[in-house]
Protein backbone atom coordinates (compact mmCIF):
# COMPACT_ATOMS: atom_id res chain seq x y z
CA UNK A 1 20.99 -9.56 13.57
CA UNK A 2 24.00 -7.50 14.62
CA UNK A 3 23.48 -8.16 18.35
CA UNK A 4 25.72 -11.20 18.19
CA UNK A 5 23.59 -13.93 19.73
CA UNK A 6 22.37 -16.84 17.63
CA UNK A 7 18.73 -16.40 18.67
CA UNK A 8 18.68 -12.70 17.73
CA UNK A 9 20.35 -13.56 14.42
CA UNK A 10 17.64 -16.12 13.60
CA UNK A 11 14.91 -13.72 14.73
CA UNK A 12 16.32 -10.98 12.51
CA UNK A 13 16.58 -13.35 9.57
CA UNK A 14 12.94 -14.40 10.03
CA UNK A 15 11.86 -10.74 10.17
CA UNK A 16 13.75 -9.98 6.96
CA UNK A 17 12.25 -12.96 5.15
CA UNK A 18 8.74 -12.08 6.35
CA UNK A 19 9.27 -8.49 5.21
CA UNK A 20 10.43 -9.64 1.79
CA UNK A 21 7.35 -11.84 1.41
CA UNK A 22 5.15 -8.89 2.43
CA UNK A 23 6.95 -6.75 -0.15
CA UNK A 24 6.23 -9.36 -2.83
CA UNK A 25 2.59 -9.56 -1.78
CA UNK A 26 1.91 -5.83 -1.84
CA UNK A 27 3.95 -5.18 -4.96
CA UNK A 28 2.07 -8.02 -6.65
CA UNK A 29 -1.22 -6.39 -5.61
CA UNK A 30 0.00 -3.10 -7.07
CA UNK A 31 0.94 -4.74 -10.38
CA UNK A 32 -2.41 -6.57 -10.60
CA UNK A 33 -4.18 -3.28 -9.93
CA UNK A 34 -2.18 -1.58 -12.70
CA UNK A 35 -3.05 -4.36 -15.17
CA UNK A 36 -6.75 -4.19 -14.20
CA UNK A 37 -6.64 -0.41 -14.69
CA UNK A 38 -5.06 -0.82 -18.13
CA UNK A 39 -7.60 -3.42 -19.22
CA UNK A 40 -10.53 -1.32 -18.03
CA UNK A 41 -9.31 1.97 -19.49
CA UNK A 42 -8.63 0.21 -22.81
CA UNK A 43 -12.06 -1.42 -22.87
CA UNK A 44 -13.95 1.67 -21.65
CA UNK A 45 -11.81 4.72 -22.50
CA UNK A 46 -12.64 8.12 -21.09
CA UNK A 47 -12.74 11.15 -23.34
CA UNK A 48 -9.24 12.25 -22.39
CA UNK A 49 -7.66 8.78 -22.37
CA UNK A 50 -9.09 7.94 -25.77
CA UNK A 51 -7.59 10.98 -27.43
CA UNK A 52 -4.43 10.50 -29.41
CA UNK A 53 -3.09 13.83 -28.17
CA UNK A 54 0.15 13.69 -26.28
CA UNK A 55 0.41 15.20 -22.84
CA UNK A 56 3.96 16.43 -22.93
CA UNK A 57 6.64 14.20 -24.38
CA UNK A 58 4.71 10.90 -24.28
CA UNK A 59 1.15 9.75 -24.05
CA UNK A 60 0.15 7.80 -20.96
CA UNK A 61 0.25 4.35 -22.61
CA UNK A 62 4.04 4.12 -23.14
CA UNK A 63 4.51 5.30 -19.58
CA UNK A 64 2.23 2.56 -18.32
CA UNK A 65 4.12 -0.03 -20.38
CA UNK A 66 7.37 1.30 -18.88
CA UNK A 67 5.77 0.87 -15.47
CA UNK A 68 4.92 -2.74 -16.34
CA UNK A 69 8.47 -3.45 -17.53
CA UNK A 70 10.07 -1.89 -14.47
CA UNK A 71 7.54 -3.63 -12.25
CA UNK A 72 8.52 -7.01 -13.64
CA UNK A 73 12.21 -6.19 -13.11
CA UNK A 74 11.60 -5.11 -9.51
CA UNK A 75 9.46 -8.19 -8.86
CA UNK A 76 12.19 -10.50 -10.22
CA UNK A 77 14.73 -8.70 -8.02
CA UNK A 78 12.49 -9.16 -4.98
CA UNK A 79 12.09 -12.87 -5.69
CA UNK A 80 15.87 -13.10 -6.01
CA UNK A 81 16.24 -11.43 -2.60
CA UNK A 82 13.80 -13.90 -1.03
CA UNK A 83 15.68 -16.87 -2.48
CA UNK A 84 18.99 -15.35 -1.41
CA UNK A 85 17.88 -14.94 2.20
CA UNK A 86 16.19 -18.35 2.30
CA UNK A 87 19.53 -19.94 1.31
CA UNK A 88 21.23 -18.28 4.26
CA UNK A 89 24.69 -16.78 4.63
CA UNK A 90 26.51 -19.83 3.36
CA UNK A 91 24.19 -20.32 0.41
CA UNK A 92 25.24 -20.67 -3.19
CA UNK A 93 23.79 -17.30 -4.22
CA UNK A 94 25.62 -15.31 -1.56
CA UNK A 95 28.90 -17.03 -2.29
CA UNK A 96 28.79 -16.12 -6.03
CA UNK A 97 28.77 -12.40 -6.89
CA UNK A 98 27.54 -12.89 -10.44
CA UNK A 99 23.97 -13.35 -9.18
CA UNK A 100 24.04 -10.03 -7.36
CA UNK A 101 25.37 -8.28 -10.48
CA UNK A 102 22.69 -9.78 -12.71
CA UNK A 103 19.62 -9.88 -10.48
CA UNK A 104 20.34 -6.70 -8.57
CA UNK A 105 22.68 -4.41 -10.50
CA UNK A 106 21.55 -5.04 -14.07
CA UNK A 107 17.86 -5.06 -13.20
CA UNK A 108 18.07 -1.83 -11.22
CA UNK A 109 20.14 -0.21 -13.99
CA UNK A 110 17.38 -1.22 -16.42
CA UNK A 111 14.74 0.31 -14.12
CA UNK A 112 16.74 3.52 -13.71
CA UNK A 113 17.34 3.98 -17.44
CA UNK A 114 13.76 3.16 -18.41
CA UNK A 115 12.28 5.51 -15.80
CA UNK A 116 14.58 8.29 -16.97
CA UNK A 117 13.62 7.82 -20.61
CA UNK A 118 9.90 7.48 -19.80
CA UNK A 119 9.86 9.87 -16.87
CA UNK A 120 6.38 10.11 -15.31
CA UNK A 121 6.76 13.88 -15.06
CA UNK A 122 6.49 14.16 -18.84
CA UNK A 123 2.72 13.71 -18.77
CA UNK A 124 2.20 16.54 -16.30
CA UNK A 125 2.84 19.36 -18.77
CA UNK A 126 1.54 19.97 -22.28
CA UNK A 127 4.88 21.24 -23.61
CA UNK A 128 8.45 21.81 -22.54
CA UNK A 129 7.70 25.52 -22.10
CA UNK A 130 5.25 24.64 -19.31
CA UNK A 131 7.87 22.70 -17.34
CA UNK A 132 9.35 24.27 -14.23
CA UNK A 133 12.73 25.87 -14.93
CA UNK A 134 14.72 23.35 -12.91
CA UNK A 135 13.31 20.46 -14.98
CA UNK A 136 14.02 21.86 -18.44
CA UNK A 137 17.36 20.34 -19.31
CA UNK A 138 17.83 22.60 -22.32
CA UNK A 139 17.42 26.01 -20.66
CA UNK A 140 19.92 27.55 -18.30
CA UNK A 141 17.75 28.78 -15.44
CA UNK A 142 20.11 31.72 -14.71
CA UNK A 143 19.52 33.16 -18.18
CA UNK A 144 15.77 32.58 -17.91
CA UNK A 145 15.61 34.22 -14.49
CA UNK A 146 17.55 37.24 -15.79
CA UNK A 147 14.84 38.02 -18.35
CA UNK A 148 12.34 40.72 -17.27
């Protein structure tokens, strides 16, 4: 698109739009797969998934719900990007910044905050003491390393 000719600009725009549609397709497949997994594991729980014991800070269910919420936000953002590029450079969406702030900035802030609160790494360890030193926010790793 940066080459300067009209034909290369249109070719680049078509490639971007096709890539955005492919992104929507594969992300949609991922989300459907996650929902199918949730329905199946709820209907036919395994021994470990059926236990009420927490693995770390959260059990796996709240993390999966956080994944669903962030997935919806990312999907909405991707649809916004498709509509934005389909409207072209002179389109209404690109000429008004408020849409970028709402459908890009706010949604990605939501995703970032939610994934930090429900961090997937929390299910990897049974307790905070099992976490690697660099991931324990409450322990200064220099003091811990100084212990014999």
